[in-house]
Amino acid sequence: MTINKQTKADIFKKFGKSAKNTGSTEGQIALFTERISELSSHLKQNKKDFNTERSLVMLVGKRRNLLNYLKNKDIVRYREIIKSLGIRK
């Protein structure tokens, strides 16, 4: 249920412009999206895992805050990231 180092490096290389640029907003959003999808698939099999459900809700909130920040900061980058990750409709 965890993401290994190589997967994280690939995510940050693709969205954060560099494998070492782990603080970029786009990289963090992409990482949170990956973790959210893993937790969602876990919860489909384990419906009574309430701790994981709480973690999922907290992670979605963190991603939402980052998306709001990016939307206020640079709308073009916001639209690109939601299009590439398929977050919105």
PDB file of N, CA and C in Angstrom:
ATOM      1  N   MET A   1       0.803  -1.190   0.000  1.00  0.00           N
ATOM      2  CA  MET A   1       0.000   0.000   0.000  1.00  0.00           C
ATOM      3  C   MET A   1       0.850   1.260   0.000  1.00  0.00           C
ATOM      4  N   THR A   2       2.142   1.108  -0.058  1.00  0.00           N
ATOM      5  CA  THR A   2       3.017   2.270  -0.095  1.00  0.00           C
ATOM      6  C   THR A   2       3.602   2.421  -1.489  1.00  0.00           C
ATOM      7  N   ILE A   3       4.099   3.599  -1.752  1.00  0.00           N
ATOM      8  CA  ILE A   3       4.714   3.895  -3.040  1.00  0.00           C
ATOM      9  C   ILE A   3       6.226   3.816  -2.856  1.00  0.00           C
ATOM     10  N   ASN A   4       6.884   3.063  -3.730  1.00  0.00           N
ATOM     11  CA  ASN A   4       8.333   2.911  -3.585  1.00  0.00           C
ATOM     12  C   ASN A   4       9.074   4.132  -4.146  1.00  0.00           C
ATOM     13  N   LYS A   5      10.373   4.166  -3.886  1.00  0.00           N
ATOM     14  CA  LYS A   5      11.191   5.323  -4.269  1.00  0.00           C
ATOM     15  C   LYS A   5      11.206   5.562  -5.769  1.00  0.00           C
ATOM     16  N   GLN A   6      11.264   4.498  -6.525  1.00  0.00           N
ATOM     17  CA  GLN A   6      11.336   4.633  -7.979  1.00  0.00           C
ATOM     18  C   GLN A   6      10.053   5.242  -8.535  1.00  0.00           C
ATOM     19  N   THR A   7       8.921   4.810  -8.001  1.00  0.00           N
ATOM     20  CA  THR A   7       7.648   5.356  -8.457  1.00  0.00           C
ATOM     21  C   THR A   7       7.547   6.841  -8.118  1.00  0.00           C
ATOM     22  N   LYS A   8       7.981   7.205  -6.908  1.00  0.00           N
ATOM     23  CA  LYS A   8       7.968   8.615  -6.515  1.00  0.00           C
ATOM     24  C   LYS A   8       8.870   9.439  -7.423  1.00  0.00           C
ATOM     25  N   ALA A   9      10.055   8.919  -7.708  1.00  0.00           N
ATOM     26  CA  ALA A   9      10.984   9.640  -8.574  1.00  0.00           C
ATOM     27  C   ALA A   9      10.386   9.835  -9.966  1.00  0.00           C
ATOM     28  N   ASP A  10       9.707   8.807 -10.480  1.00  0.00           N
ATOM     29  CA  ASP A  10       9.074   8.921 -11.790  1.00  0.00           C
ATOM     30  C   ASP A  10       7.962   9.965 -11.790  1.00  0.00           C
ATOM     31  N   ILE A  11       7.176   9.982 -10.712  1.00  0.00           N
ATOM     32  CA  ILE A  11       6.092  10.967 -10.612  1.00  0.00           C
ATOM     33  C   ILE A  11       6.655  12.378 -10.580  1.00  0.00           C
ATOM     34  N   PHE A  12       7.702  12.589  -9.758  1.00  0.00           N
ATOM     35  CA  PHE A  12       8.268  13.928  -9.655  1.00  0.00           C
ATOM     36  C   PHE A  12       9.013  14.326 -10.918  1.00  0.00           C
ATOM     37  N   LYS A  13       9.573  13.355 -11.636  1.00  0.00           N
ATOM     38  CA  LYS A  13      10.253  13.674 -12.893  1.00  0.00           C
ATOM     39  C   LYS A  13       9.228  14.120 -13.942  1.00  0.00           C
ATOM     40  N   LYS A  14       8.086  13.463 -13.946  1.00  0.00           N
ATOM     41  CA  LYS A  14       7.069  13.779 -14.943  1.00  0.00           C
ATOM     42  C   LYS A  14       6.337  15.085 -14.622  1.00  0.00           C
ATOM     43  N   PHE A  15       5.965  15.281 -13.364  1.00  0.00           N
ATOM     44  CA  PHE A  15       5.142  16.437 -13.016  1.00  0.00           C
ATOM     45  C   PHE A  15       5.918  17.553 -12.329  1.00  0.00           C
ATOM     46  N   GLY A  16       7.036  17.219 -11.664  1.00  0.00           N
ATOM     47  CA  GLY A  16       7.778  18.226 -10.932  1.00  0.00           C
ATOM     48  C   GLY A  16       8.970  18.768 -11.677  1.00  0.00           C
ATOM     49  N   LYS A  17       9.126  18.434 -12.919  1.00  0.00           N
ATOM     50  CA  LYS A  17      10.203  18.899 -13.796  1.00  0.00           C
ATOM     51  C   LYS A  17      11.563  18.309 -13.457  1.00  0.00           C
ATOM     52  N   SER A  18      11.693  17.639 -12.319  1.00  0.00           N
ATOM     53  CA  SER A  18      12.942  17.020 -11.934  1.00  0.00           C
ATOM     54  C   SER A  18      12.644  15.958 -10.890  1.00  0.00           C
ATOM     55  N   ALA A  19      13.449  14.909 -10.847  1.00  0.00           N
ATOM     56  CA  ALA A  19      13.224  13.846  -9.869  1.00  0.00           C
ATOM     57  C   ALA A  19      13.491  14.330  -8.451  1.00  0.00           C
ATOM     58  N   LYS A  20      14.322  15.362  -8.311  1.00  0.00           N
ATOM     59  CA  LYS A  20      14.660  15.871  -6.982  1.00  0.00           C
ATOM     60  C   LYS A  20      13.788  17.046  -6.551  1.00  0.00           C
ATOM     61  N   ASN A  21      12.944  17.531  -7.444  1.00  0.00           N
ATOM     62  CA  ASN A  21      12.072  18.655  -7.127  1.00  0.00           C
ATOM     63  C   ASN A  21      10.792  18.128  -6.472  1.00  0.00           C
ATOM     64  N   THR A  22      10.925  17.690  -5.220  1.00  0.00           N
ATOM     65  CA  THR A  22       9.792  17.059  -4.538  1.00  0.00           C
ATOM     66  C   THR A  22       8.847  18.060  -3.919  1.00  0.00           C
ATOM     67  N   GLY A  23       9.173  19.317  -3.927  1.00  0.00           N
ATOM     68  CA  GLY A  23       8.324  20.318  -3.310  1.00  0.00           C
ATOM     69  C   GLY A  23       7.411  21.041  -4.273  1.00  0.00           C
ATOM     70  N   SER A  24       7.502  20.733  -5.552  1.00  0.00           N
ATOM     71  CA  SER A  24       6.667  21.434  -6.524  1.00  0.00           C
ATOM     72  C   SER A  24       5.199  21.078  -6.304  1.00  0.00           C
ATOM     73  N   THR A  25       4.353  22.036  -6.537  1.00  0.00           N
ATOM     74  CA  THR A  25       2.926  21.843  -6.312  1.00  0.00           C
ATOM     75  C   THR A  25       2.369  20.746  -7.208  1.00  0.00           C
ATOM     76  N   GLU A  26       2.757  20.765  -8.475  1.00  0.00           N
ATOM     77  CA  GLU A  26       2.257  19.748  -9.399  1.00  0.00           C
ATOM     78  C   GLU A  26       2.723  18.351  -9.002  1.00  0.00           C
ATOM     79  N   GLY A  27       3.969  18.251  -8.564  1.00  0.00           N
ATOM     80  CA  GLY A  27       4.492  16.952  -8.125  1.00  0.00           C
ATOM     81  C   GLY A  27       3.761  16.430  -6.906  1.00  0.00           C
ATOM     82  N   GLN A  28       3.481  17.309  -5.955  1.00  0.00           N
ATOM     83  CA  GLN A  28       2.753  16.904  -4.752  1.00  0.00           C
ATOM     84  C   GLN A  28       1.333  16.468  -5.100  1.00  0.00           C
ATOM     85  N   ILE A  29       0.678  17.193  -5.977  1.00  0.00           N
ATOM     86  CA  ILE A  29      -0.682  16.832  -6.384  1.00  0.00           C
ATOM     87  C   ILE A  29      -0.685  15.476  -7.070  1.00  0.00           C
ATOM     88  N   ALA A  30       0.294  15.233  -7.933  1.00  0.00           N
ATOM     89  CA  ALA A  30       0.379  13.945  -8.627  1.00  0.00           C
ATOM     90  C   ALA A  30       0.647  12.813  -7.643  1.00  0.00           C
ATOM     91  N   LEU A  31       1.517  13.054  -6.665  1.00  0.00           N
ATOM     92  CA  LEU A  31       1.807  12.038  -5.657  1.00  0.00           C
ATOM     93  C   LEU A  31       0.571  11.734  -4.821  1.00  0.00           C
ATOM     94  N   PHE A  32      -0.146  12.776  -4.410  1.00  0.00           N
ATOM     95  CA  PHE A  32      -1.370  12.569  -3.633  1.00  0.00           C
ATOM     96  C   PHE A  32      -2.404  11.805  -4.449  1.00  0.00           C
ATOM     97  N   THR A  33      -2.493  12.095  -5.744  1.00  0.00           N
ATOM     98  CA  THR A  33      -3.447  11.403  -6.610  1.00  0.00           C
ATOM     99  C   THR A  33      -3.110   9.920  -6.697  1.00  0.00           C
ATOM    100  N   GLU A  34      -1.838   9.593  -6.795  1.00  0.00           N
ATOM    101  CA  GLU A  34      -1.406   8.197  -6.845  1.00  0.00           C
ATOM    102  C   GLU A  34      -1.765   7.481  -5.538  1.00  0.00           C
ATOM    103  N   ARG A  35      -1.492   8.141  -4.420  1.00  0.00           N
ATOM    104  CA  ARG A  35      -1.807   7.539  -3.125  1.00  0.00           C
ATOM    105  C   ARG A  35      -3.315   7.396  -2.937  1.00  0.00           C
ATOM    106  N   ILE A  36      -4.089   8.369  -3.407  1.00  0.00           N
ATOM    107  CA  ILE A  36      -5.543   8.305  -3.301  1.00  0.00           C
ATOM    108  C   ILE A  36      -6.088   7.127  -4.090  1.00  0.00           C
ATOM    109  N   SER A  37      -5.561   6.895  -5.269  1.00  0.00           N
ATOM    110  CA  SER A  37      -6.042   5.764  -6.073  1.00  0.00           C
ATOM    111  C   SER A  37      -5.704   4.428  -5.409  1.00  0.00           C
ATOM    112  N   GLU A  38      -4.526   4.342  -4.777  1.00  0.00           N
ATOM    113  CA  GLU A  38      -4.173   3.115  -4.067  1.00  0.00           C
ATOM    114  C   GLU A  38      -5.079   2.881  -2.868  1.00  0.00           C
ATOM    115  N   LEU A  39      -5.335   3.938  -2.105  1.00  0.00           N
ATOM    116  CA  LEU A  39      -6.202   3.799  -0.934  1.00  0.00           C
ATOM    117  C   LEU A  39      -7.634   3.477  -1.343  1.00  0.00           C
ATOM    118  N   SER A  40      -8.082   4.038  -2.444  1.00  0.00           N
ATOM    119  CA  SER A  40      -9.439   3.750  -2.921  1.00  0.00           C
ATOM    120  C   SER A  40      -9.597   2.289  -3.300  1.00  0.00           C
ATOM    121  N   SER A  41      -8.589   1.752  -3.985  1.00  0.00           N
ATOM    122  CA  SER A  41      -8.667   0.336  -4.360  1.00  0.00           C
ATOM    123  C   SER A  41      -8.594  -0.563  -3.121  1.00  0.00           C
ATOM    124  N   HIS A  42      -7.836  -0.149  -2.113  1.00  0.00           N
ATOM    125  CA  HIS A  42      -7.771  -0.905  -0.867  1.00  0.00           C
ATOM    126  C   HIS A  42      -9.129  -0.898  -0.160  1.00  0.00           C
ATOM    127  N   LEU A  43      -9.782   0.260  -0.167  1.00  0.00           N
ATOM    128  CA  LEU A  43     -11.068   0.362   0.516  1.00  0.00           C
ATOM    129  C   LEU A  43     -12.185  -0.381  -0.203  1.00  0.00           C
ATOM    130  N   LYS A  44     -12.045  -0.615  -1.490  1.00  0.00           N
ATOM    131  CA  LYS A  44     -13.050  -1.398  -2.202  1.00  0.00           C
ATOM    132  C   LYS A  44     -13.059  -2.838  -1.714  1.00  0.00           C
ATOM    133  N   GLN A  45     -11.896  -3.330  -1.308  1.00  0.00           N
ATOM    134  CA  GLN A  45     -11.801  -4.703  -0.810  1.00  0.00           C
ATOM    135  C   GLN A  45     -12.043  -4.784   0.692  1.00  0.00           C
ATOM    136  N   ASN A  46     -11.674  -3.731   1.436  1.00  0.00           N
ATOM    137  CA  ASN A  46     -11.773  -3.723   2.895  1.00  0.00           C
ATOM    138  C   ASN A  46     -12.694  -2.585   3.322  1.00  0.00           C
ATOM    139  N   LYS A  47     -13.985  -2.848   3.276  1.00  0.00           N
ATOM    140  CA  LYS A  47     -14.967  -1.799   3.502  1.00  0.00           C
ATOM    141  C   LYS A  47     -14.981  -1.281   4.938  1.00  0.00           C
ATOM    142  N   LYS A  48     -14.534  -2.063   5.891  1.00  0.00           N
ATOM    143  CA  LYS A  48     -14.603  -1.654   7.294  1.00  0.00           C
ATOM    144  C   LYS A  48     -13.289  -1.106   7.829  1.00  0.00           C
ATOM    145  N   ASP A  49     -12.364  -0.801   6.949  1.00  0.00           N
ATOM    146  CA  ASP A  49     -11.083  -0.236   7.366  1.00  0.00           C
ATOM    147  C   ASP A  49     -11.252   1.276   7.528  1.00  0.00           C
ATOM    148  N   PHE A  50     -11.698   1.679   8.701  1.00  0.00           N
ATOM    149  CA  PHE A  50     -12.051   3.076   8.925  1.00  0.00           C
ATOM    150  C   PHE A  50     -10.827   3.967   9.073  1.00  0.00           C
ATOM    151  N   ASN A  51      -9.714   3.432   9.526  1.00  0.00           N
ATOM    152  CA  ASN A  51      -8.492   4.241   9.619  1.00  0.00           C
ATOM    153  C   ASN A  51      -8.001   4.639   8.232  1.00  0.00           C
ATOM    154  N   THR A  52      -8.058   3.718   7.300  1.00  0.00           N
ATOM    155  CA  THR A  52      -7.664   4.032   5.933  1.00  0.00           C
ATOM    156  C   THR A  52      -8.642   5.009   5.305  1.00  0.00           C
ATOM    157  N   GLU A  53      -9.909   4.871   5.643  1.00  0.00           N
ATOM    158  CA  GLU A  53     -10.909   5.795   5.121  1.00  0.00           C
ATOM    159  C   GLU A  53     -10.641   7.218   5.614  1.00  0.00           C
ATOM    160  N   ARG A  54     -10.267   7.341   6.880  1.00  0.00           N
ATOM    161  CA  ARG A  54      -9.936   8.653   7.436  1.00  0.00           C
ATOM    162  C   ARG A  54      -8.700   9.226   6.745  1.00  0.00           C
ATOM    163  N   SER A  55      -7.696   8.378   6.525  1.00  0.00           N
ATOM    164  CA  SER A  55      -6.485   8.822   5.832  1.00  0.00           C
ATOM    165  C   SER A  55      -6.806   9.291   4.413  1.00  0.00           C
ATOM    166  N   LEU A  56      -7.710   8.583   3.764  1.00  0.00           N
ATOM    167  CA  LEU A  56      -8.106   8.957   2.411  1.00  0.00           C
ATOM    168  C   LEU A  56      -8.774  10.322   2.406  1.00  0.00           C
ATOM    169  N   VAL A  57      -9.670  10.568   3.349  1.00  0.00           N
ATOM    170  CA  VAL A  57     -10.364  11.853   3.413  1.00  0.00           C
ATOM    171  C   VAL A  57      -9.363  12.980   3.684  1.00  0.00           C
ATOM    172  N   MET A  58      -8.410  12.748   4.576  1.00  0.00           N
ATOM    173  CA  MET A  58      -7.406  13.768   4.869  1.00  0.00           C
ATOM    174  C   MET A  58      -6.539  14.054   3.646  1.00  0.00           C
ATOM    175  N   LEU A  59      -6.186  13.003   2.905  1.00  0.00           N
ATOM    176  CA  LEU A  59      -5.356  13.158   1.715  1.00  0.00           C
ATOM    177  C   LEU A  59      -6.097  13.921   0.620  1.00  0.00           C
ATOM    178  N   VAL A  60      -7.377  13.644   0.465  1.00  0.00           N
ATOM    179  CA  VAL A  60      -8.181  14.365  -0.523  1.00  0.00           C
ATOM    180  C   VAL A  60      -8.251  15.847  -0.142  1.00  0.00           C
ATOM    181  N   GLY A  61      -8.345  16.140   1.151  1.00  0.00           N
ATOM    182  CA  GLY A  61      -8.365  17.525   1.609  1.00  0.00           C
ATOM    183  C   GLY A  61      -7.055  18.243   1.326  1.00  0.00           C
ATOM    184  N   LYS A  62      -5.944  17.553   1.551  1.00  0.00           N
ATOM    185  CA  LYS A  62      -4.638  18.154   1.254  1.00  0.00           C
ATOM    186  C   LYS A  62      -4.498  18.450  -0.231  1.00  0.00           C
ATOM    187  N   ARG A  63      -4.931  17.487  -1.058  1.00  0.00           N
ATOM    188  CA  ARG A  63      -4.852  17.696  -2.505  1.00  0.00           C
ATOM    189  C   ARG A  63      -5.746  18.848  -2.926  1.00  0.00           C
ATOM    190  N   ARG A  64      -6.931  18.941  -2.314  1.00  0.00           N
ATOM    191  CA  ARG A  64      -7.858  20.021  -2.637  1.00  0.00           C
ATOM    192  C   ARG A  64      -7.246  21.377  -2.302  1.00  0.00           C
ATOM    193  N   ASN A  65      -6.567  21.473  -1.147  1.00  0.00           N
ATOM    194  CA  ASN A  65      -5.916  22.728  -0.769  1.00  0.00           C
ATOM    195  C   ASN A  65      -4.818  23.105  -1.760  1.00  0.00           C
ATOM    196  N   LEU A  66      -4.033  22.126  -2.187  1.00  0.00           N
ATOM    197  CA  LEU A  66      -2.981  22.409  -3.166  1.00  0.00           C
ATOM    198  C   LEU A  66      -3.578  22.833  -4.506  1.00  0.00           C
ATOM    199  N   LEU A  67      -4.674  22.185  -4.896  1.00  0.00           N
ATOM    200  CA  LEU A  67      -5.322  22.571  -6.146  1.00  0.00           C
ATOM    201  C   LEU A  67      -5.885  23.984  -6.060  1.00  0.00           C
ATOM    202  N   ASN A  68      -6.468  24.339  -4.923  1.00  0.00           N
ATOM    203  CA  ASN A  68      -6.966  25.712  -4.748  1.00  0.00           C
ATOM    204  C   ASN A  68      -5.828  26.724  -4.817  1.00  0.00           C
ATOM    205  N   TYR A  69      -4.703  26.395  -4.180  1.00  0.00           N
ATOM    206  CA  TYR A  69      -3.538  27.272  -4.222  1.00  0.00           C
ATOM    207  C   TYR A  69      -3.063  27.471  -5.661  1.00  0.00           C
ATOM    208  N   LEU A  70      -2.967  26.372  -6.389  1.00  0.00           N
ATOM    209  CA  LEU A  70      -2.485  26.448  -7.765  1.00  0.00           C
ATOM    210  C   LEU A  70      -3.467  27.210  -8.647  1.00  0.00           C
ATOM    211  N   LYS A  71      -4.756  27.036  -8.406  1.00  0.00           N
ATOM    212  CA  LYS A  71      -5.762  27.753  -9.201  1.00  0.00           C
ATOM    213  C   LYS A  71      -5.667  29.252  -8.971  1.00  0.00           C
ATOM    214  N   ASN A  72      -5.420  29.654  -7.726  1.00  0.00           N
ATOM    215  CA  ASN A  72      -5.285  31.084  -7.435  1.00  0.00           C
ATOM    216  C   ASN A  72      -3.959  31.648  -7.932  1.00  0.00           C
ATOM    217  N   LYS A  73      -2.925  30.832  -7.948  1.00  0.00           N
ATOM    218  CA  LYS A  73      -1.585  31.275  -8.333  1.00  0.00           C
ATOM    219  C   LYS A  73      -1.416  31.340  -9.854  1.00  0.00           C
ATOM    220  N   ASP A  74      -1.792  30.244 -10.529  1.00  0.00           N
ATOM    221  CA  ASP A  74      -1.577  30.166 -11.974  1.00  0.00           C
ATOM    222  C   ASP A  74      -2.636  29.233 -12.576  1.00  0.00           C
ATOM    223  N   ILE A  75      -3.649  29.812 -13.191  1.00  0.00           N
ATOM    224  CA  ILE A  75      -4.785  29.047 -13.702  1.00  0.00           C
ATOM    225  C   ILE A  75      -4.383  28.115 -14.846  1.00  0.00           C
ATOM    226  N   VAL A  76      -3.383  28.486 -15.621  1.00  0.00           N
ATOM    227  CA  VAL A  76      -2.952  27.657 -16.753  1.00  0.00           C
ATOM    228  C   VAL A  76      -2.327  26.354 -16.245  1.00  0.00           C
ATOM    229  N   ARG A  77      -1.453  26.461 -15.252  1.00  0.00           N
ATOM    230  CA  ARG A  77      -0.838  25.256 -14.674  1.00  0.00           C
ATOM    231  C   ARG A  77      -1.897  24.374 -14.002  1.00  0.00           C
ATOM    232  N   TYR A  78      -2.893  25.013 -13.384  1.00  0.00           N
ATOM    233  CA  TYR A  78      -3.991  24.285 -12.745  1.00  0.00           C
ATOM    234  C   TYR A  78      -4.753  23.465 -13.781  1.00  0.00           C
ATOM    235  N   ARG A  79      -5.081  24.091 -14.888  1.00  0.00           N
ATOM    236  CA  ARG A  79      -5.835  23.387 -15.933  1.00  0.00           C
ATOM    237  C   ARG A  79      -5.021  22.253 -16.539  1.00  0.00           C
ATOM    238  N   GLU A  80      -3.718  22.454 -16.688  1.00  0.00           N
ATOM    239  CA  GLU A  80      -2.862  21.406 -17.245  1.00  0.00           C
ATOM    240  C   GLU A  80      -2.799  20.196 -16.321  1.00  0.00           C
ATOM    241  N   ILE A  81      -2.646  20.445 -15.007  1.00  0.00           N
ATOM    242  CA  ILE A  81      -2.482  19.330 -14.078  1.00  0.00           C
ATOM    243  C   ILE A  81      -3.781  18.541 -13.929  1.00  0.00           C
ATOM    244  N   ILE A  82      -4.926  19.210 -13.900  1.00  0.00           N
ATOM    245  CA  ILE A  82      -6.167  18.450 -13.763  1.00  0.00           C
ATOM    246  C   ILE A  82      -6.490  17.688 -15.050  1.00  0.00           C
ATOM    247  N   LYS A  83      -6.050  18.228 -16.174  1.00  0.00           N
ATOM    248  CA  LYS A  83      -6.263  17.523 -17.442  1.00  0.00           C
ATOM    249  C   LYS A  83      -5.359  16.298 -17.536  1.00  0.00           C
ATOM    250  N   SER A  84      -4.100  16.438 -17.147  1.00  0.00           N
ATOM    251  CA  SER A  84      -3.171  15.314 -17.265  1.00  0.00           C
ATOM    252  C   SER A  84      -3.454  14.214 -16.236  1.00  0.00           C
ATOM    253  N   LEU A  85      -3.961  14.579 -15.070  1.00  0.00           N
ATOM    254  CA  LEU A  85      -4.261  13.571 -14.040  1.00  0.00           C
ATOM    255  C   LEU A  85      -5.700  13.051 -14.153  1.00  0.00           C
ATOM    256  N   GLY A  86      -6.547  13.766 -14.871  1.00  0.00           N
ATOM    257  CA  GLY A  86      -7.936  13.334 -15.011  1.00  0.00           C
ATOM    258  C   GLY A  86      -8.710  13.453 -13.711  1.00  0.00           C
ATOM    259  N   ILE A  87      -8.446  14.511 -12.950  1.00  0.00           N
ATOM    260  CA  ILE A  87      -9.101  14.683 -11.654  1.00  0.00           C
ATOM    261  C   ILE A  87     -10.526  15.173 -11.816  1.00  0.00           C
ATOM    262  N   ARG A  88     -10.724  16.123 -12.710  1.00  0.00           N
ATOM    263  CA  ARG A  88     -12.041  16.742 -12.874  1.00  0.00           C
ATOM    264  C   ARG A  88     -12.812  16.089 -13.994  1.00  0.00           C
ATOM    265  N   LYS A  89     -14.052  16.547 -14.145  1.00  0.00           N
ATOM    266  CA  LYS A  89     -14.942  16.035 -15.185  1.00  0.00           C
ATOM    267  C   LYS A  89     -14.424  16.339 -16.565  1.00  0.00           C
TER     268      LYS A  89
END
